[in-house]
Amino acid sequence: MTTPATSAAGQPTFYDLVGGEATFRVLVDEFYAGVADDPLLRPLYPEADLGPAAERLRLFLSQYWGGPDTYSAQRGHPRLRLRHAPFRVGPAERDAWLHHMRRAVDALGLPAEHATTLWEYLQRAAHFMVNTFDEAP
């Protein structure tokens, strides 16, 4: 399936406005470059290679912002909290995730309004994913 040039309302999607697939690839690559060496987050990714996790995140974010529906076609409904339930996601993990994602968003060099829109969503998503407030063992 090709990326739609406009939304159902005939307006360009956020995905298109920020540069489409290439932008989301840079965002996710930058994010996982930080995660790869993060002692708190890296253990949350059971695969030896972060590539599959990066691909899933890129597909999800692309679809969320109006790009191709490849994520849903391959994996079904996102069910983000359910998919992350097996992993301890507390305030420390959330904050580490946001730290790396902030760096990744900044690396995009987006116009301020687009960077703010993206960042506000990522902050809400990170807070939504917290599934424990217990201290880490």
Protein backbone atom coordinates (compact mmCIF):
# COMPACT_ATOMS: atom_id res chain seq x y z
CA MET A 1 0.00 0.00 0.00
CA THR A 2 1.28 3.46 -0.81
CA THR A 3 1.32 6.35 1.60
CA PRO A 4 -1.75 8.55 1.21
CA ALA A 5 -0.87 12.05 0.04
CA THR A 6 -3.77 13.54 1.97
CA SER A 7 -6.01 12.68 4.88
CA ALA A 8 -9.66 11.81 4.44
CA ALA A 9 -10.37 15.53 4.82
CA GLY A 10 -8.11 16.27 1.85
CA GLN A 11 -5.34 17.79 3.95
CA PRO A 12 -1.75 16.51 4.10
CA THR A 13 -1.23 14.16 7.04
CA PHE A 14 1.26 14.91 9.80
CA TYR A 15 3.26 11.97 8.41
CA ASP A 16 3.53 13.77 5.08
CA LEU A 17 4.18 17.19 6.59
CA VAL A 18 7.21 16.00 8.55
CA GLY A 19 8.82 14.07 5.71
CA GLY A 20 7.16 10.67 5.73
CA GLU A 21 8.99 7.38 6.12
CA ALA A 22 12.47 8.91 6.07
CA THR A 23 11.70 11.12 9.07
CA PHE A 24 10.24 8.30 11.13
CA ARG A 25 13.20 6.08 10.24
CA VAL A 26 15.63 8.72 11.55
CA LEU A 27 13.53 9.24 14.68
CA VAL A 28 13.48 5.55 15.52
CA ASP A 29 17.12 4.92 14.59
CA GLU A 30 18.24 7.81 16.81
CA PHE A 31 16.04 6.59 19.65
CA TYR A 32 17.35 3.02 19.54
CA ALA A 33 20.95 4.22 19.30
CA GLY A 34 20.41 5.55 22.82
CA VAL A 35 18.49 2.52 24.04
CA ALA A 36 21.24 0.17 22.88
CA ASP A 37 23.60 1.43 25.58
CA ASP A 38 21.06 2.26 28.27
CA PRO A 39 21.49 -0.01 31.31
CA LEU A 40 17.88 0.47 32.42
CA LEU A 41 16.10 0.12 29.07
CA ARG A 42 18.21 -2.36 27.12
CA PRO A 43 17.18 -5.34 29.32
CA LEU A 44 13.54 -4.64 28.43
CA TYR A 45 14.22 -5.70 24.84
CA PRO A 46 14.58 -9.50 24.84
CA GLU A 47 15.78 -9.79 21.26
CA ALA A 48 19.55 -9.74 20.80
CA ASP A 49 19.10 -7.42 17.84
CA LEU A 50 17.10 -4.25 18.39
CA GLY A 51 16.19 -4.17 14.69
CA PRO A 52 12.80 -5.89 15.00
CA ALA A 53 11.73 -3.62 17.88
CA ALA A 54 12.86 -0.58 15.91
CA GLU A 55 10.89 -1.70 12.87
CA ARG A 56 7.74 -2.23 14.95
CA LEU A 57 8.04 1.24 16.50
CA ARG A 58 8.67 2.87 13.12
CA LEU A 59 5.66 1.15 11.57
CA PHE A 60 3.45 2.04 14.53
CA LEU A 61 4.45 5.72 14.58
CA SER A 62 4.16 6.00 10.81
CA GLN A 63 0.66 4.58 10.85
CA TYR A 64 -0.41 6.64 13.87
CA TRP A 65 0.59 9.87 12.12
CA GLY A 66 -1.17 9.06 8.84
CA GLY A 67 1.29 6.88 6.96
CA PRO A 68 0.74 3.38 5.61
CA ASP A 69 -1.30 0.93 7.69
CA THR A 70 1.45 -1.67 7.57
CA TYR A 71 1.62 -1.99 11.35
CA SER A 72 -2.01 -3.06 11.67
CA ALA A 73 -1.80 -5.25 8.57
CA GLN A 74 1.13 -7.16 10.10
CA ARG A 75 0.31 -7.08 13.82
CA GLY A 76 -3.35 -6.17 14.23
CA HIS A 77 -4.57 -3.59 16.72
CA PRO A 78 -1.65 -1.92 18.53
CA ARG A 79 -2.87 -2.84 22.06
CA LEU A 80 0.10 -0.90 23.42
CA ARG A 81 -0.49 -1.47 27.13
CA LEU A 82 -1.19 -5.17 26.60
CA ARG A 83 1.94 -5.67 24.49
CA HIS A 84 4.06 -3.92 27.13
CA ALA A 85 2.42 -5.56 30.16
CA PRO A 86 5.09 -8.28 30.53
CA PHE A 87 7.73 -5.60 31.08
CA ARG A 88 8.27 -3.45 34.14
CA VAL A 89 7.58 0.11 33.04
CA GLY A 90 7.88 2.42 36.01
CA PRO A 91 8.68 6.11 36.27
CA ALA A 92 12.42 5.50 35.87
CA GLU A 93 11.91 3.51 32.65
CA ARG A 94 9.47 6.12 31.37
CA ASP A 95 11.93 8.91 32.06
CA ALA A 96 14.79 7.04 30.40
CA TRP A 97 12.58 6.35 27.37
CA LEU A 98 11.64 10.02 27.18
CA HIS A 99 15.29 11.06 27.50
CA HIS A 100 16.27 9.05 24.42
CA MET A 101 13.15 10.04 22.52
CA ARG A 102 13.73 13.74 23.25
CA ARG A 103 17.21 13.43 21.77
CA ALA A 104 15.75 11.66 18.73
CA VAL A 105 13.05 14.29 18.18
CA ASP A 106 15.64 17.06 18.47
CA ALA A 107 17.81 15.29 15.89
CA LEU A 108 15.04 15.63 13.31
CA GLY A 109 15.31 19.41 13.13
CA LEU A 110 11.57 19.76 12.59
CA PRO A 111 9.82 23.12 12.59
CA ALA A 112 8.89 24.00 16.18
CA GLU A 113 5.16 23.39 15.74
CA HIS A 114 5.72 19.90 14.36
CA ALA A 115 8.33 19.02 16.96
CA THR A 116 5.95 20.14 19.69
CA THR A 117 3.06 18.10 18.29
CA LEU A 118 5.22 14.99 18.07
CA TRP A 119 6.80 15.51 21.49
CA GLU A 120 3.48 16.07 23.25
CA TYR A 121 2.14 12.81 21.84
CA LEU A 122 5.28 10.91 22.87
CA GLN A 123 5.06 12.29 26.40
CA ARG A 124 1.41 11.21 26.72
CA ALA A 125 2.23 7.78 25.32
CA ALA A 126 5.15 7.31 27.72
CA HIS A 127 3.03 8.22 30.74
CA PHE A 128 0.26 5.90 29.53
CA MET A 129 2.66 2.95 29.36
CA VAL A 130 3.65 3.10 33.04
CA ASN A 131 2.37 -0.08 34.63
CA THR A 132 3.95 0.08 38.09
CA PHE A 133 5.00 2.64 40.66
CA ASP A 134 6.88 0.09 42.76
CA GLU A 135 10.58 0.67 43.28
CA ALA A 136 12.79 -1.36 40.95
CA PRO A 137 14.20 -4.53 42.56
